[in-house]
Amino acid sequence: MEQLEQHILLNNYLIKGKTSVKPINDVYSNGKFRSSEDSIYINSDDSIVGLADGAGGTGVFAKEWGEFLIANLPKSPIKSIKDVDNFIDKHWNSFYTDHSEIADTFLKSKFENEGSSATMFAVWFTNQELNLFSYGDAIAFKWNYKYKDFQVFSSLNDINELNSNPYLINWKTESHDESGLYTDSITLQKDEVLLIASDAFAAHIWSSYLSLHSSGVHSNKIATLIQNFSIKNFDHFIDELKNIIDNQDLFERYCNNQVEADTLWNDDCSLLIIQHI
């Protein structure tokens, strides 16, 4: 299991990823800044890529739980809610044991009462297919440069659902809600790009597209993002994302600028970009 720093070639796919703490960050009472609760990892041995977004507002050890989930993904794709529950049932006890030992009295009580929560997205590369799995509001998008086709891969039916509390994977949950599950198998051509993002950056990508093709009624938060975009060409927008993901400073600066422009929510941001080469 390797943390994704720059780029990795895997089965004729180029994979790049970056994660960044939210631009306007929180400071704890001891003066320390909080760290990002997002994680991106790749298992090159089993050809699996994972992105996790720890839900710090529920329980404790959110980042650690997200990291743990994508570090222990099964070798075969998760395809059903039963697979999700079996996956958690197989691994939760080791996570609980390790972290209950390091928790102080207050944290241990909260840990045992609320557990740990995260959303996640994973891709298994098998032959020429990409097997997708997500739980919660991490989302994948596919853009076809030739046909200008934009596809969304998510359990969410509408961008406005990003305003709602997401479905979460929690080690205390015995039976997860199938409504939060999304699975699919797709192919990726050489004139296409797949982008996988945690919720805030997913809203940023989706809103940018809707700023050029918007229809329907949107919530105030989504409408604000859409109306503040000034892009003229979606190809150029995707190309900019492909450029900033090559450098951590560029990625963080981009997130800062977009938060200031009110085209990105102030939150931890993670982005994976996958291309067939």
C-alpha atoms as a PDB file:
ATOM      1  CA  MET A   1       0.000   0.000   0.000  1.00  0.00           C
ATOM      2  CA  GLU A   2       1.528   3.276  -1.150  1.00  0.00           C
ATOM      3  CA  GLN A   3       0.460   6.848  -0.623  1.00  0.00           C
ATOM      4  CA  LEU A   4       0.017   8.531  -3.987  1.00  0.00           C
ATOM      5  CA  GLU A   5       2.467  11.429  -4.207  1.00  0.00           C
ATOM      6  CA  GLN A   6       3.001  12.286  -7.883  1.00  0.00           C
ATOM      7  CA  HIS A   7       1.856   9.787 -10.512  1.00  0.00           C
ATOM      8  CA  ILE A   8       1.748   6.062 -11.049  1.00  0.00           C
ATOM      9  CA  LEU A   9       1.375   3.920 -14.152  1.00  0.00           C
ATOM     10  CA  LEU A  10      -0.979   1.016 -13.599  1.00  0.00           C
ATOM     11  CA  ASN A  11      -2.245  -1.345 -16.312  1.00  0.00           C
ATOM     12  CA  ASN A  12      -1.799   1.284 -19.060  1.00  0.00           C
ATOM     13  CA  TYR A  13      -3.487   3.937 -16.951  1.00  0.00           C
ATOM     14  CA  LEU A  14      -1.811   7.074 -15.669  1.00  0.00           C
ATOM     15  CA  ILE A  15      -3.052   7.909 -12.177  1.00  0.00           C
ATOM     16  CA  LYS A  16      -2.414  11.217 -10.431  1.00  0.00           C
ATOM     17  CA  GLY A  17      -3.773  12.446  -7.139  1.00  0.00           C
ATOM     18  CA  LYS A  18      -3.617  15.280  -4.650  1.00  0.00           C
ATOM     19  CA  THR A  19      -5.300  16.133  -1.360  1.00  0.00           C
ATOM     20  CA  SER A  20      -5.304  19.411   0.546  1.00  0.00           C
ATOM     21  CA  VAL A  21      -6.536  20.661   3.910  1.00  0.00           C
ATOM     22  CA  LYS A  22      -9.347  23.196   3.676  1.00  0.00           C
ATOM     23  CA  PRO A  23      -7.965  26.651   2.795  1.00  0.00           C
ATOM     24  CA  ILE A  24      -9.517  28.495   5.741  1.00  0.00           C
ATOM     25  CA  ASN A  25      -8.521  26.001   8.379  1.00  0.00           C
ATOM     26  CA  ASP A  26      -9.617  25.395  11.970  1.00  0.00           C
ATOM     27  CA  VAL A  27      -7.335  25.998  14.932  1.00  0.00           C
ATOM     28  CA  TYR A  28      -7.621  23.856  18.058  1.00  0.00           C
ATOM     29  CA  SER A  29      -7.497  25.278  21.576  1.00  0.00           C
ATOM     30  CA  ASN A  30      -3.837  24.236  21.821  1.00  0.00           C
ATOM     31  CA  GLY A  31      -2.993  26.433  18.834  1.00  0.00           C
ATOM     32  CA  LYS A  32      -2.501  23.581  16.382  1.00  0.00           C
ATOM     33  CA  PHE A  33      -4.208  23.507  12.996  1.00  0.00           C
ATOM     34  CA  ARG A  34      -6.370  20.525  12.142  1.00  0.00           C
ATOM     35  CA  SER A  35      -5.021  18.208   9.462  1.00  0.00           C
ATOM     36  CA  SER A  36      -6.892  17.071   6.380  1.00  0.00           C
ATOM     37  CA  GLU A  37      -9.254  14.161   6.949  1.00  0.00           C
ATOM     38  CA  ASP A  38      -9.045  13.091   3.288  1.00  0.00           C
ATOM     39  CA  SER A  39      -6.781  10.303   2.055  1.00  0.00           C
ATOM     40  CA  ILE A  40      -5.716   8.962  -1.336  1.00  0.00           C
ATOM     41  CA  TYR A  41      -3.946   5.614  -1.706  1.00  0.00           C
ATOM     42  CA  ILE A  42      -3.042   3.096  -4.356  1.00  0.00           C
ATOM     43  CA  ASN A  43      -2.462  -0.629  -4.009  1.00  0.00           C
ATOM     44  CA  SER A  44      -0.263  -1.332  -7.033  1.00  0.00           C
ATOM     45  CA  ASP A  45      -0.012  -5.059  -6.232  1.00  0.00           C
ATOM     46  CA  ASP A  46      -3.773  -5.575  -6.480  1.00  0.00           C
ATOM     47  CA  SER A  47      -4.482  -2.729  -8.948  1.00  0.00           C
ATOM     48  CA  ILE A  48      -6.782  -0.777  -6.635  1.00  0.00           C
ATOM     49  CA  VAL A  49      -7.065   2.986  -6.123  1.00  0.00           C
ATOM     50  CA  GLY A  50      -8.970   4.460  -3.185  1.00  0.00           C
ATOM     51  CA  LEU A  51     -10.090   7.879  -1.954  1.00  0.00           C
ATOM     52  CA  ALA A  52     -11.566   8.380   1.515  1.00  0.00           C
ATOM     53  CA  ASP A  53     -13.108  11.385   3.245  1.00  0.00           C
ATOM     54  CA  GLY A  54     -13.218  11.039   7.022  1.00  0.00           C
ATOM     55  CA  ALA A  55     -16.373  12.524   8.549  1.00  0.00           C
ATOM     56  CA  GLY A  56     -14.972  14.434  11.509  1.00  0.00           C
ATOM     57  CA  GLY A  57     -18.377  15.604  12.685  1.00  0.00           C
ATOM     58  CA  THR A  58     -19.382  12.058  13.621  1.00  0.00           C
ATOM     59  CA  GLY A  59     -17.420  10.049  16.168  1.00  0.00           C
ATOM     60  CA  VAL A  60     -13.632  10.199  16.344  1.00  0.00           C
ATOM     61  CA  PHE A  61     -10.586   8.955  14.424  1.00  0.00           C
ATOM     62  CA  ALA A  62     -12.295   9.902  11.157  1.00  0.00           C
ATOM     63  CA  LYS A  63      -9.118  10.328   9.106  1.00  0.00           C
ATOM     64  CA  GLU A  64      -7.639   7.137  10.511  1.00  0.00           C
ATOM     65  CA  TRP A  65     -10.836   5.231   9.703  1.00  0.00           C
ATOM     66  CA  GLY A  66     -10.838   6.480   6.121  1.00  0.00           C
ATOM     67  CA  GLU A  67      -7.194   5.494   5.699  1.00  0.00           C
ATOM     68  CA  PHE A  68      -7.907   2.107   7.262  1.00  0.00           C
ATOM     69  CA  LEU A  69     -10.792   1.443   4.876  1.00  0.00           C
ATOM     70  CA  ILE A  70      -8.861   2.054   1.680  1.00  0.00           C
ATOM     71  CA  ALA A  71      -5.790   0.260   3.029  1.00  0.00           C
ATOM     72  CA  ASN A  72      -7.847  -2.902   3.545  1.00  0.00           C
ATOM     73  CA  LEU A  73     -10.010  -2.990   0.428  1.00  0.00           C
ATOM     74  CA  PRO A  74     -10.674  -6.543  -0.790  1.00  0.00           C
ATOM     75  CA  LYS A  75      -8.888  -7.825  -3.878  1.00  0.00           C
ATOM     76  CA  SER A  76     -12.206  -8.304  -5.670  1.00  0.00           C
ATOM     77  CA  PRO A  77     -14.569  -5.365  -6.377  1.00  0.00           C
ATOM     78  CA  ILE A  78     -17.288  -4.505  -3.887  1.00  0.00           C
ATOM     79  CA  LYS A  79     -20.568  -4.914  -5.789  1.00  0.00           C
ATOM     80  CA  SER A  80     -23.377  -5.035  -3.215  1.00  0.00           C
ATOM     81  CA  ILE A  81     -24.407  -3.711   0.177  1.00  0.00           C
ATOM     82  CA  LYS A  82     -23.794  -7.214   1.525  1.00  0.00           C
ATOM     83  CA  ASP A  83     -20.194  -6.902   0.312  1.00  0.00           C
ATOM     84  CA  VAL A  84     -19.918  -3.602   2.191  1.00  0.00           C
ATOM     85  CA  ASP A  85     -21.173  -5.078   5.456  1.00  0.00           C
ATOM     86  CA  ASN A  86     -18.984  -8.177   5.088  1.00  0.00           C
ATOM     87  CA  PHE A  87     -15.964  -5.966   4.419  1.00  0.00           C
ATOM     88  CA  ILE A  88     -16.576  -3.922   7.572  1.00  0.00           C
ATOM     89  CA  ASP A  89     -17.419  -6.991   9.640  1.00  0.00           C
ATOM     90  CA  LYS A  90     -14.115  -8.581   8.669  1.00  0.00           C
ATOM     91  CA  HIS A  91     -11.927  -5.620   9.638  1.00  0.00           C
ATOM     92  CA  TRP A  92     -13.644  -3.368  12.190  1.00  0.00           C
ATOM     93  CA  ASN A  93     -12.438  -5.161  15.308  1.00  0.00           C
ATOM     94  CA  SER A  94      -8.743  -4.630  14.586  1.00  0.00           C
ATOM     95  CA  PHE A  95      -9.380  -0.915  14.028  1.00  0.00           C
ATOM     96  CA  TYR A  96     -11.418  -0.685  17.224  1.00  0.00           C
ATOM     97  CA  THR A  97      -8.783  -2.522  19.287  1.00  0.00           C
ATOM     98  CA  ASP A  98      -5.873  -0.419  18.031  1.00  0.00           C
ATOM     99  CA  HIS A  99      -7.611   2.917  18.546  1.00  0.00           C
ATOM    100  CA  SER A 100      -9.373   2.219  21.824  1.00  0.00           C
ATOM    101  CA  GLU A 101      -5.931   1.573  23.290  1.00  0.00           C
ATOM    102  CA  ILE A 102      -4.683   5.063  22.414  1.00  0.00           C
ATOM    103  CA  ALA A 103      -7.865   6.994  23.257  1.00  0.00           C
ATOM    104  CA  ASP A 104      -8.128   8.943  26.492  1.00  0.00           C
ATOM    105  CA  THR A 105     -11.238   8.600  28.665  1.00  0.00           C
ATOM    106  CA  PHE A 106     -13.291  11.235  26.815  1.00  0.00           C
ATOM    107  CA  LEU A 107     -12.308  10.042  23.351  1.00  0.00           C
ATOM    108  CA  LYS A 108     -12.884   6.409  24.242  1.00  0.00           C
ATOM    109  CA  SER A 109     -16.422   7.154  25.402  1.00  0.00           C
ATOM    110  CA  LYS A 110     -17.179   9.076  22.191  1.00  0.00           C
ATOM    111  CA  PHE A 111     -15.450   6.370  20.149  1.00  0.00           C
ATOM    112  CA  GLU A 112     -17.552   3.612  21.651  1.00  0.00           C
ATOM    113  CA  ASN A 113     -20.808   5.598  21.441  1.00  0.00           C
ATOM    114  CA  GLU A 114     -20.428   7.106  17.958  1.00  0.00           C
ATOM    115  CA  GLY A 115     -17.752   5.040  16.225  1.00  0.00           C
ATOM    116  CA  SER A 116     -15.838   6.454  13.250  1.00  0.00           C
ATOM    117  CA  SER A 117     -17.271   7.488   9.897  1.00  0.00           C
ATOM    118  CA  ALA A 118     -16.092   8.120   6.348  1.00  0.00           C
ATOM    119  CA  THR A 119     -17.215   8.229   2.752  1.00  0.00           C
ATOM    120  CA  MET A 120     -15.123   6.573   0.077  1.00  0.00           C
ATOM    121  CA  PHE A 121     -14.577   5.818  -3.593  1.00  0.00           C
ATOM    122  CA  ALA A 122     -12.532   2.938  -4.995  1.00  0.00           C
ATOM    123  CA  VAL A 123     -11.550   1.630  -8.412  1.00  0.00           C
ATOM    124  CA  TRP A 124     -10.440  -1.908  -9.250  1.00  0.00           C
ATOM    125  CA  PHE A 125      -8.556  -2.202 -12.561  1.00  0.00           C
ATOM    126  CA  THR A 126      -9.390  -5.551 -14.191  1.00  0.00           C
ATOM    127  CA  ASN A 127      -8.368  -6.209 -17.795  1.00  0.00           C
ATOM    128  CA  GLN A 128      -9.856  -3.306 -19.764  1.00  0.00           C
ATOM    129  CA  GLU A 129     -12.531  -2.449 -17.199  1.00  0.00           C
ATOM    130  CA  LEU A 130     -12.609  -0.063 -14.269  1.00  0.00           C
ATOM    131  CA  ASN A 131     -14.843  -1.393 -11.508  1.00  0.00           C
ATOM    132  CA  LEU A 132     -16.223   1.527  -9.508  1.00  0.00           C
ATOM    133  CA  PHE A 133     -17.472   1.535  -5.932  1.00  0.00           C
ATOM    134  CA  SER A 134     -18.544   4.459  -3.795  1.00  0.00           C
ATOM    135  CA  TYR A 135     -20.364   4.934  -0.547  1.00  0.00           C
ATOM    136  CA  GLY A 136     -21.495   8.443   0.324  1.00  0.00           C
ATOM    137  CA  ASP A 137     -20.794  11.629  -1.583  1.00  0.00           C
ATOM    138  CA  ALA A 138     -17.386  11.036  -3.168  1.00  0.00           C
ATOM    139  CA  ILE A 139     -18.104  11.205  -6.905  1.00  0.00           C
ATOM    140  CA  ALA A 140     -16.474  10.252 -10.218  1.00  0.00           C
ATOM    141  CA  PHE A 141     -16.886  12.159 -13.483  1.00  0.00           C
ATOM    142  CA  LYS A 142     -15.912  11.112 -17.000  1.00  0.00           C
ATOM    143  CA  TRP A 143     -15.244  13.682 -19.686  1.00  0.00           C
ATOM    144  CA  ASN A 144     -14.937  12.764 -23.365  1.00  0.00           C
ATOM    145  CA  TYR A 145     -12.918  15.396 -25.211  1.00  0.00           C
ATOM    146  CA  LYS A 146     -14.057  14.235 -28.655  1.00  0.00           C
ATOM    147  CA  TYR A 147     -17.803  14.042 -28.092  1.00  0.00           C
ATOM    148  CA  LYS A 148     -17.999  16.596 -25.237  1.00  0.00           C
ATOM    149  CA  ASP A 149     -19.832  14.056 -23.110  1.00  0.00           C
ATOM    150  CA  PHE A 150     -19.978  14.493 -19.320  1.00  0.00           C
ATOM    151  CA  GLN A 151     -20.975  11.554 -17.121  1.00  0.00           C
ATOM    152  CA  VAL A 152     -21.518  11.398 -13.368  1.00  0.00           C
ATOM    153  CA  PHE A 153     -20.961   8.202 -11.362  1.00  0.00           C
ATOM    154  CA  SER A 154     -22.600   8.499  -7.958  1.00  0.00           C
ATOM    155  CA  SER A 155     -25.476   7.300  -5.795  1.00  0.00           C
ATOM    156  CA  LEU A 156     -26.624  10.938  -5.795  1.00  0.00           C
ATOM    157  CA  ASN A 157     -29.373  11.669  -8.301  1.00  0.00           C
ATOM    158  CA  ASP A 158     -28.835  15.417  -8.347  1.00  0.00           C
ATOM    159  CA  ILE A 159     -26.113  17.906  -7.460  1.00  0.00           C
ATOM    160  CA  ASN A 160     -28.383  19.451  -4.809  1.00  0.00           C
ATOM    161  CA  GLU A 161     -28.014  16.269  -2.746  1.00  0.00           C
ATOM    162  CA  LEU A 162     -24.455  17.391  -1.962  1.00  0.00           C
ATOM    163  CA  ASN A 163     -26.130  19.793   0.483  1.00  0.00           C
ATOM    164  CA  SER A 164     -27.479  16.887   2.525  1.00  0.00           C
ATOM    165  CA  ASN A 165     -25.687  14.833   5.142  1.00  0.00           C
ATOM    166  CA  PRO A 166     -24.004  11.963   3.289  1.00  0.00           C
ATOM    167  CA  TYR A 167     -24.405   8.269   3.870  1.00  0.00           C
ATOM    168  CA  LEU A 168     -21.415   7.107   5.916  1.00  0.00           C
ATOM    169  CA  ILE A 169     -19.500   3.911   6.502  1.00  0.00           C
ATOM    170  CA  ASN A 170     -19.186   3.461  10.268  1.00  0.00           C
ATOM    171  CA  TRP A 171     -17.639   0.485  12.022  1.00  0.00           C
ATOM    172  CA  LYS A 172     -20.562   0.508  14.489  1.00  0.00           C
ATOM    173  CA  THR A 173     -23.169   0.079  11.729  1.00  0.00           C
ATOM    174  CA  GLU A 174     -24.193  -3.529  11.263  1.00  0.00           C
ATOM    175  CA  SER A 175     -26.326  -2.985   8.156  1.00  0.00           C
ATOM    176  CA  HIS A 176     -25.462  -0.018   5.928  1.00  0.00           C
ATOM    177  CA  ASP A 177     -28.157   1.692   3.883  1.00  0.00           C
ATOM    178  CA  GLU A 178     -28.133   0.585   0.251  1.00  0.00           C
ATOM    179  CA  SER A 179     -29.151   4.117  -0.800  1.00  0.00           C
ATOM    180  CA  GLY A 180     -25.582   5.262  -0.175  1.00  0.00           C
ATOM    181  CA  LEU A 181     -24.047   2.611  -2.441  1.00  0.00           C
ATOM    182  CA  TYR A 182     -22.941   3.048  -6.051  1.00  0.00           C
ATOM    183  CA  THR A 183     -21.225   0.425  -8.214  1.00  0.00           C
ATOM    184  CA  ASP A 184     -20.500   0.253 -11.923  1.00  0.00           C
ATOM    185  CA  SER A 185     -18.060  -1.135 -14.496  1.00  0.00           C
ATOM    186  CA  ILE A 186     -16.822   1.238 -17.171  1.00  0.00           C
ATOM    187  CA  THR A 187     -14.182   1.532 -19.867  1.00  0.00           C
ATOM    188  CA  LEU A 188     -11.939   4.536 -20.392  1.00  0.00           C
ATOM    189  CA  GLN A 189     -10.797   5.492 -23.875  1.00  0.00           C
ATOM    190  CA  LYS A 190      -7.704   7.512 -24.744  1.00  0.00           C
ATOM    191  CA  ASP A 191      -9.776  10.632 -25.478  1.00  0.00           C
ATOM    192  CA  GLU A 192     -11.465  10.426 -22.063  1.00  0.00           C
ATOM    193  CA  VAL A 193     -10.482  11.320 -18.517  1.00  0.00           C
ATOM    194  CA  LEU A 194     -11.905  10.097 -15.212  1.00  0.00           C
ATOM    195  CA  LEU A 195     -11.926  12.457 -12.232  1.00  0.00           C
ATOM    196  CA  ILE A 196     -12.713  11.242  -8.709  1.00  0.00           C
ATOM    197  CA  ALA A 197     -13.263  13.829  -5.996  1.00  0.00           C
ATOM    198  CA  SER A 198     -14.323  14.199  -2.386  1.00  0.00           C
ATOM    199  CA  ASP A 199     -17.553  16.137  -1.855  1.00  0.00           C
ATOM    200  CA  ALA A 200     -16.389  19.772  -1.976  1.00  0.00           C
ATOM    201  CA  PHE A 201     -14.223  19.297  -5.037  1.00  0.00           C
ATOM    202  CA  ALA A 202     -16.941  17.155  -6.623  1.00  0.00           C
ATOM    203  CA  ALA A 203     -19.371  20.066  -6.215  1.00  0.00           C
ATOM    204  CA  HIS A 204     -16.745  22.313  -7.807  1.00  0.00           C
ATOM    205  CA  ILE A 205     -16.381  20.085 -10.895  1.00  0.00           C
ATOM    206  CA  TRP A 206     -20.105  19.442 -11.292  1.00  0.00           C
ATOM    207  CA  SER A 207     -20.970  23.126 -10.862  1.00  0.00           C
ATOM    208  CA  SER A 208     -18.375  24.173 -13.409  1.00  0.00           C
ATOM    209  CA  TYR A 209     -20.050  21.978 -16.002  1.00  0.00           C
ATOM    210  CA  LEU A 210     -23.502  23.214 -15.047  1.00  0.00           C
ATOM    211  CA  SER A 211     -22.316  26.812 -15.413  1.00  0.00           C
ATOM    212  CA  LEU A 212     -22.099  26.062 -19.147  1.00  0.00           C
ATOM    213  CA  HIS A 213     -25.116  23.751 -19.395  1.00  0.00           C
ATOM    214  CA  SER A 214     -27.281  24.567 -16.391  1.00  0.00           C
ATOM    215  CA  SER A 215     -30.951  23.739 -16.208  1.00  0.00           C
ATOM    216  CA  GLY A 216     -33.389  23.201 -13.369  1.00  0.00           C
ATOM    217  CA  VAL A 217     -33.599  24.673  -9.891  1.00  0.00           C
ATOM    218  CA  HIS A 218     -30.618  24.597  -7.546  1.00  0.00           C
ATOM    219  CA  SER A 219     -30.180  25.223  -3.846  1.00  0.00           C
ATOM    220  CA  ASN A 220     -28.598  28.510  -2.794  1.00  0.00           C
ATOM    221  CA  LYS A 221     -25.212  26.891  -2.103  1.00  0.00           C
ATOM    222  CA  ILE A 222     -25.098  25.191  -5.500  1.00  0.00           C
ATOM    223  CA  ALA A 223     -26.521  28.197  -7.359  1.00  0.00           C
ATOM    224  CA  THR A 224     -23.793  30.395  -5.858  1.00  0.00           C
ATOM    225  CA  LEU A 225     -21.077  28.094  -7.160  1.00  0.00           C
ATOM    226  CA  ILE A 226     -22.614  27.925 -10.626  1.00  0.00           C
ATOM    227  CA  GLN A 227     -23.147  31.664 -11.037  1.00  0.00           C
ATOM    228  CA  ASN A 228     -19.600  32.522  -9.913  1.00  0.00           C
ATOM    229  CA  PHE A 229     -17.899  30.452 -12.604  1.00  0.00           C
ATOM    230  CA  SER A 230     -16.688  32.340 -15.644  1.00  0.00           C
ATOM    231  CA  ILE A 231     -15.240  29.491 -17.716  1.00  0.00           C
ATOM    232  CA  LYS A 232     -15.929  29.456 -21.446  1.00  0.00           C
ATOM    233  CA  ASN A 233     -14.646  26.015 -22.400  1.00  0.00           C
ATOM    234  CA  PHE A 234     -14.936  22.832 -20.349  1.00  0.00           C
ATOM    235  CA  ASP A 235     -11.934  21.256 -22.106  1.00  0.00           C
ATOM    236  CA  HIS A 236      -9.808  24.094 -20.738  1.00  0.00           C
ATOM    237  CA  PHE A 237     -11.220  23.604 -17.247  1.00  0.00           C
ATOM    238  CA  ILE A 238     -10.304  19.902 -17.297  1.00  0.00           C
ATOM    239  CA  ASP A 239      -6.854  20.731 -18.673  1.00  0.00           C
ATOM    240  CA  GLU A 240      -6.257  23.118 -15.788  1.00  0.00           C
ATOM    241  CA  LEU A 241      -7.113  20.386 -13.285  1.00  0.00           C
ATOM    242  CA  LYS A 242      -4.688  18.053 -15.069  1.00  0.00           C
ATOM    243  CA  ASN A 243      -2.026  20.754 -14.729  1.00  0.00           C
ATOM    244  CA  ILE A 244      -2.464  21.587 -11.036  1.00  0.00           C
ATOM    245  CA  ILE A 245      -2.503  17.954  -9.974  1.00  0.00           C
ATOM    246  CA  ASP A 246       1.174  17.680 -10.958  1.00  0.00           C
ATOM    247  CA  ASN A 247       2.281  19.919  -8.090  1.00  0.00           C
ATOM    248  CA  GLN A 248       1.130  20.148  -4.459  1.00  0.00           C
ATOM    249  CA  ASP A 249       1.692  23.912  -4.236  1.00  0.00           C
ATOM    250  CA  LEU A 250      -0.286  24.486  -7.434  1.00  0.00           C
ATOM    251  CA  PHE A 251      -3.129  22.313  -6.158  1.00  0.00           C
ATOM    252  CA  GLU A 252      -3.301  24.116  -2.809  1.00  0.00           C
ATOM    253  CA  ARG A 253      -3.068  27.537  -4.459  1.00  0.00           C
ATOM    254  CA  TYR A 254      -5.866  26.587  -6.855  1.00  0.00           C
ATOM    255  CA  CYS A 255      -8.090  25.519  -3.947  1.00  0.00           C
ATOM    256  CA  ASN A 256      -7.340  28.754  -2.096  1.00  0.00           C
ATOM    257  CA  ASN A 257      -8.174  30.867  -5.143  1.00  0.00           C
ATOM    258  CA  GLN A 258     -11.405  28.998  -5.841  1.00  0.00           C
ATOM    259  CA  VAL A 259     -12.586  29.377  -2.241  1.00  0.00           C
ATOM    260  CA  GLU A 260     -11.908  33.109  -2.486  1.00  0.00           C
ATOM    261  CA  ALA A 261     -13.866  33.221  -5.765  1.00  0.00           C
ATOM    262  CA  ASP A 262     -16.746  31.314  -4.112  1.00  0.00           C
ATOM    263  CA  THR A 263     -16.575  28.508  -6.684  1.00  0.00           C
ATOM    264  CA  LEU A 264     -15.349  25.954  -4.126  1.00  0.00           C
ATOM    265  CA  TRP A 265     -16.597  25.226  -0.634  1.00  0.00           C
ATOM    266  CA  ASN A 266     -14.121  25.645   2.196  1.00  0.00           C
ATOM    267  CA  ASP A 267     -13.390  22.011   2.956  1.00  0.00           C
ATOM    268  CA  ASP A 268     -10.672  19.411   2.613  1.00  0.00           C
ATOM    269  CA  CYS A 269     -10.219  18.684  -1.093  1.00  0.00           C
ATOM    270  CA  SER A 270      -9.096  15.530  -2.843  1.00  0.00           C
ATOM    271  CA  LEU A 271      -8.827  14.747  -6.537  1.00  0.00           C
ATOM    272  CA  LEU A 272      -7.774  11.673  -8.508  1.00  0.00           C
ATOM    273  CA  ILE A 273      -7.306  11.854 -12.273  1.00  0.00           C
ATOM    274  CA  ILE A 274      -7.102   8.672 -14.345  1.00  0.00           C
ATOM    275  CA  GLN A 275      -6.188   8.547 -18.030  1.00  0.00           C
ATOM    276  CA  HIS A 276      -5.750   5.655 -20.442  1.00  0.00           C
ATOM    277  CA  ILE A 277      -2.385   5.986 -22.195  1.00  0.00           C
END
